[in-house]
Amino acid sequence: MNRSFFNSIEQKTGVSMEEIFALANAIQHADFKSEKQVRKIVRRVAKVSNRQITQELEDKLVQSIIQDGASLDLDKITRMMK
């Protein structure tokens, strides 16, 4: 892949490509029926995006993801985190 593209993303987001790839890998291999795994991913997304979320919001996100099962709608999560 194009390194300048990744450099641009890193500069705009402040998140390293290694972190993004590690998160993508965790999401790809996660069991979205497991509350423990889903919570871990939600916390990791919040940390990477430099957002603090309340326990109430974390609970809502986790329940929403678990209800949807194997699918993960990042747009939905992003909207809920705003």
N, C-alpha and C. Protein backbone atom coordinates (compact mmCIF):
# COMPACT_ATOMS: atom_id res chain seq x y z
N MET A 1 0.84 -1.19 0.00
CA MET A 1 0.00 0.00 0.00
C MET A 1 0.88 1.25 0.00
N ASN A 2 0.30 2.37 -0.33
CA ASN A 2 1.01 3.62 -0.48
C ASN A 2 1.37 4.21 0.88
N ARG A 3 2.66 4.32 1.17
CA ARG A 3 3.13 4.83 2.47
C ARG A 3 2.71 6.28 2.69
N SER A 4 2.70 7.10 1.65
CA SER A 4 2.31 8.51 1.82
C SER A 4 0.84 8.62 2.23
N PHE A 5 0.03 7.69 1.76
CA PHE A 5 -1.38 7.65 2.16
C PHE A 5 -1.47 7.41 3.67
N PHE A 6 -0.70 6.43 4.17
CA PHE A 6 -0.70 6.13 5.59
C PHE A 6 -0.13 7.28 6.41
N ASN A 7 0.92 7.91 5.90
CA ASN A 7 1.48 9.07 6.61
C ASN A 7 0.45 10.17 6.74
N SER A 8 -0.32 10.37 5.70
CA SER A 8 -1.37 11.39 5.73
C SER A 8 -2.42 11.08 6.79
N ILE A 9 -2.82 9.81 6.86
CA ILE A 9 -3.80 9.40 7.87
C ILE A 9 -3.23 9.59 9.26
N GLU A 10 -1.98 9.19 9.47
CA GLU A 10 -1.34 9.34 10.77
C GLU A 10 -1.29 10.81 11.20
N GLN A 11 -0.96 11.69 10.26
CA GLN A 11 -0.88 13.11 10.57
C GLN A 11 -2.25 13.69 10.92
N LYS A 12 -3.28 13.28 10.19
CA LYS A 12 -4.61 13.81 10.42
C LYS A 12 -5.25 13.27 11.69
N THR A 13 -4.98 12.01 12.01
CA THR A 13 -5.65 11.38 13.16
C THR A 13 -4.80 11.29 14.40
N GLY A 14 -3.48 11.32 14.24
CA GLY A 14 -2.60 11.13 15.38
C GLY A 14 -2.52 9.67 15.82
N VAL A 15 -3.04 8.79 14.99
CA VAL A 15 -3.04 7.36 15.28
C VAL A 15 -2.10 6.66 14.31
N SER A 16 -1.21 5.84 14.86
CA SER A 16 -0.26 5.15 13.99
C SER A 16 -0.95 4.06 13.19
N MET A 17 -0.38 3.75 12.06
CA MET A 17 -0.93 2.70 11.21
C MET A 17 -0.87 1.36 11.93
N GLU A 18 0.14 1.16 12.76
CA GLU A 18 0.24 -0.08 13.52
C GLU A 18 -0.97 -0.25 14.43
N GLU A 19 -1.37 0.85 15.09
CA GLU A 19 -2.54 0.80 15.96
C GLU A 19 -3.82 0.51 15.15
N ILE A 20 -3.93 1.15 14.02
CA ILE A 20 -5.11 0.95 13.18
C ILE A 20 -5.18 -0.49 12.69
N PHE A 21 -4.06 -1.02 12.23
CA PHE A 21 -4.04 -2.41 11.76
C PHE A 21 -4.31 -3.39 12.90
N ALA A 22 -3.76 -3.11 14.08
CA ALA A 22 -4.00 -3.99 15.23
C ALA A 22 -5.48 -3.98 15.61
N LEU A 23 -6.09 -2.81 15.57
CA LEU A 23 -7.52 -2.70 15.87
C LEU A 23 -8.35 -3.41 14.81
N ALA A 24 -8.00 -3.21 13.55
CA ALA A 24 -8.73 -3.89 12.47
C ALA A 24 -8.60 -5.40 12.60
N ASN A 25 -7.44 -5.87 12.96
CA ASN A 25 -7.23 -7.30 13.14
C ASN A 25 -8.07 -7.83 14.31
N ALA A 26 -8.11 -7.07 15.41
CA ALA A 26 -8.92 -7.48 16.56
C ALA A 26 -10.40 -7.53 16.19
N ILE A 27 -10.85 -6.56 15.43
CA ILE A 27 -12.26 -6.53 15.01
C ILE A 27 -12.56 -7.70 14.08
N GLN A 28 -11.64 -7.95 13.17
CA GLN A 28 -11.85 -9.02 12.19
C GLN A 28 -11.97 -10.39 12.85
N HIS A 29 -11.25 -10.61 13.93
CA HIS A 29 -11.23 -11.92 14.57
C HIS A 29 -12.07 -11.98 15.85
N ALA A 30 -12.85 -10.97 16.12
CA ALA A 30 -13.62 -10.92 17.36
C ALA A 30 -14.91 -11.73 17.26
N ASP A 31 -15.33 -12.22 18.40
CA ASP A 31 -16.62 -12.89 18.54
C ASP A 31 -17.60 -11.83 19.06
N PHE A 32 -18.46 -11.34 18.20
CA PHE A 32 -19.35 -10.25 18.58
C PHE A 32 -20.55 -10.70 19.41
N LYS A 33 -20.53 -11.95 19.82
CA LYS A 33 -21.52 -12.44 20.78
C LYS A 33 -20.93 -12.44 22.19
N SER A 34 -19.62 -12.22 22.29
CA SER A 34 -18.92 -12.22 23.57
C SER A 34 -18.87 -10.80 24.13
N GLU A 35 -19.57 -10.60 25.24
CA GLU A 35 -19.60 -9.26 25.84
C GLU A 35 -18.20 -8.80 26.22
N LYS A 36 -17.39 -9.70 26.73
CA LYS A 36 -16.03 -9.35 27.15
C LYS A 36 -15.21 -8.83 25.97
N GLN A 37 -15.27 -9.54 24.85
CA GLN A 37 -14.51 -9.11 23.67
C GLN A 37 -15.04 -7.80 23.11
N VAL A 38 -16.36 -7.66 23.08
CA VAL A 38 -16.96 -6.44 22.55
C VAL A 38 -16.58 -5.24 23.42
N ARG A 39 -16.62 -5.40 24.73
CA ARG A 39 -16.22 -4.30 25.63
C ARG A 39 -14.77 -3.90 25.39
N LYS A 40 -13.93 -4.89 25.21
CA LYS A 40 -12.52 -4.63 24.97
C LYS A 40 -12.34 -3.81 23.69
N ILE A 41 -13.06 -4.18 22.64
CA ILE A 41 -12.97 -3.45 21.37
C ILE A 41 -13.52 -2.04 21.51
N VAL A 42 -14.65 -1.89 22.18
CA VAL A 42 -15.25 -0.55 22.36
C VAL A 42 -14.27 0.35 23.11
N ARG A 43 -13.65 -0.17 24.15
CA ARG A 43 -12.68 0.63 24.91
C ARG A 43 -11.47 0.98 24.06
N ARG A 44 -11.05 0.03 23.24
CA ARG A 44 -9.90 0.27 22.38
C ARG A 44 -10.20 1.32 21.32
N VAL A 45 -11.39 1.26 20.73
CA VAL A 45 -11.80 2.27 19.75
C VAL A 45 -11.85 3.64 20.41
N ALA A 46 -12.40 3.72 21.60
CA ALA A 46 -12.46 4.99 22.32
C ALA A 46 -11.06 5.54 22.57
N LYS A 47 -10.16 4.66 22.99
CA LYS A 47 -8.79 5.09 23.27
C LYS A 47 -8.09 5.57 22.01
N VAL A 48 -8.21 4.79 20.94
CA VAL A 48 -7.56 5.16 19.68
C VAL A 48 -8.13 6.46 19.13
N SER A 49 -9.43 6.65 19.29
CA SER A 49 -10.06 7.87 18.78
C SER A 49 -9.95 9.03 19.77
N ASN A 50 -9.29 8.77 20.89
CA ASN A 50 -9.05 9.79 21.92
C ASN A 50 -10.36 10.38 22.46
N ARG A 51 -11.32 9.50 22.69
CA ARG A 51 -12.61 9.90 23.24
C ARG A 51 -12.86 9.17 24.55
N GLN A 52 -13.41 9.90 25.48
CA GLN A 52 -13.82 9.27 26.72
C GLN A 52 -15.31 8.98 26.62
N ILE A 53 -15.67 7.76 27.01
CA ILE A 53 -17.08 7.41 26.98
C ILE A 53 -17.51 7.01 28.39
N THR A 54 -18.73 7.32 28.70
CA THR A 54 -19.27 6.97 30.01
C THR A 54 -19.57 5.47 30.06
N GLN A 55 -19.71 4.97 31.26
CA GLN A 55 -20.07 3.57 31.41
C GLN A 55 -21.42 3.30 30.76
N GLU A 56 -22.35 4.25 30.89
CA GLU A 56 -23.67 4.10 30.28
C GLU A 56 -23.57 3.98 28.76
N LEU A 57 -22.76 4.83 28.13
CA LEU A 57 -22.60 4.77 26.68
C LEU A 57 -21.89 3.48 26.28
N GLU A 58 -20.89 3.08 27.05
CA GLU A 58 -20.21 1.82 26.75
C GLU A 58 -21.21 0.66 26.80
N ASP A 59 -22.07 0.65 27.81
CA ASP A 59 -23.08 -0.40 27.93
C ASP A 59 -24.01 -0.42 26.72
N LYS A 60 -24.43 0.76 26.27
CA LYS A 60 -25.32 0.85 25.11
C LYS A 60 -24.63 0.34 23.85
N LEU A 61 -23.39 0.74 23.67
CA LEU A 61 -22.64 0.29 22.50
C LEU A 61 -22.47 -1.23 22.50
N VAL A 62 -22.10 -1.75 23.66
CA VAL A 62 -21.88 -3.20 23.77
C VAL A 62 -23.18 -3.95 23.48
N GLN A 63 -24.27 -3.52 24.08
CA GLN A 63 -25.54 -4.21 23.86
C GLN A 63 -25.98 -4.13 22.41
N SER A 64 -25.78 -2.98 21.80
CA SER A 64 -26.14 -2.80 20.39
C SER A 64 -25.33 -3.74 19.49
N ILE A 65 -24.04 -3.84 19.76
CA ILE A 65 -23.18 -4.70 18.95
C ILE A 65 -23.54 -6.17 19.16
N ILE A 66 -23.75 -6.56 20.40
CA ILE A 66 -24.10 -7.95 20.70
C ILE A 66 -25.43 -8.32 20.05
N GLN A 67 -26.39 -7.43 20.08
CA GLN A 67 -27.69 -7.70 19.46
C GLN A 67 -27.56 -7.91 17.96
N ASP A 68 -26.68 -7.15 17.32
CA ASP A 68 -26.49 -7.28 15.88
C ASP A 68 -25.72 -8.53 15.51
N GLY A 69 -25.07 -9.14 16.49
CA GLY A 69 -24.37 -10.39 16.24
C GLY A 69 -23.07 -10.22 15.52
N ALA A 70 -22.94 -10.84 14.38
CA ALA A 70 -21.66 -10.89 13.68
C ALA A 70 -21.32 -9.60 12.94
N SER A 71 -22.27 -8.69 12.81
CA SER A 71 -21.97 -7.46 12.07
C SER A 71 -21.55 -6.35 13.02
N LEU A 72 -20.72 -5.48 12.52
CA LEU A 72 -20.27 -4.33 13.29
C LEU A 72 -20.42 -3.11 12.42
N ASP A 73 -21.32 -2.24 12.78
CA ASP A 73 -21.59 -1.04 12.00
C ASP A 73 -20.80 0.11 12.63
N LEU A 74 -19.63 0.42 12.06
CA LEU A 74 -18.78 1.47 12.61
C LEU A 74 -19.45 2.83 12.55
N ASP A 75 -20.28 3.08 11.55
CA ASP A 75 -20.99 4.35 11.46
C ASP A 75 -21.92 4.51 12.66
N LYS A 76 -22.61 3.45 13.00
CA LYS A 76 -23.52 3.48 14.15
C LYS A 76 -22.75 3.77 15.44
N ILE A 77 -21.62 3.11 15.60
CA ILE A 77 -20.80 3.32 16.82
C ILE A 77 -20.29 4.74 16.85
N THR A 78 -19.83 5.24 15.73
CA THR A 78 -19.32 6.60 15.67
C THR A 78 -20.40 7.62 16.04
N ARG A 79 -21.60 7.42 15.51
CA ARG A 79 -22.71 8.33 15.83
C ARG A 79 -23.05 8.28 17.32
N MET A 80 -23.00 7.10 17.91
CA MET A 80 -23.33 6.96 19.33
C MET A 80 -22.25 7.59 20.23
N MET A 81 -21.01 7.65 19.74
CA MET A 81 -19.91 8.21 20.53
C MET A 81 -19.87 9.72 20.50
N LYS A 82 -20.61 10.33 19.62
CA LYS A 82 -20.58 11.81 19.51
C LYS A 82 -21.41 12.44 20.58
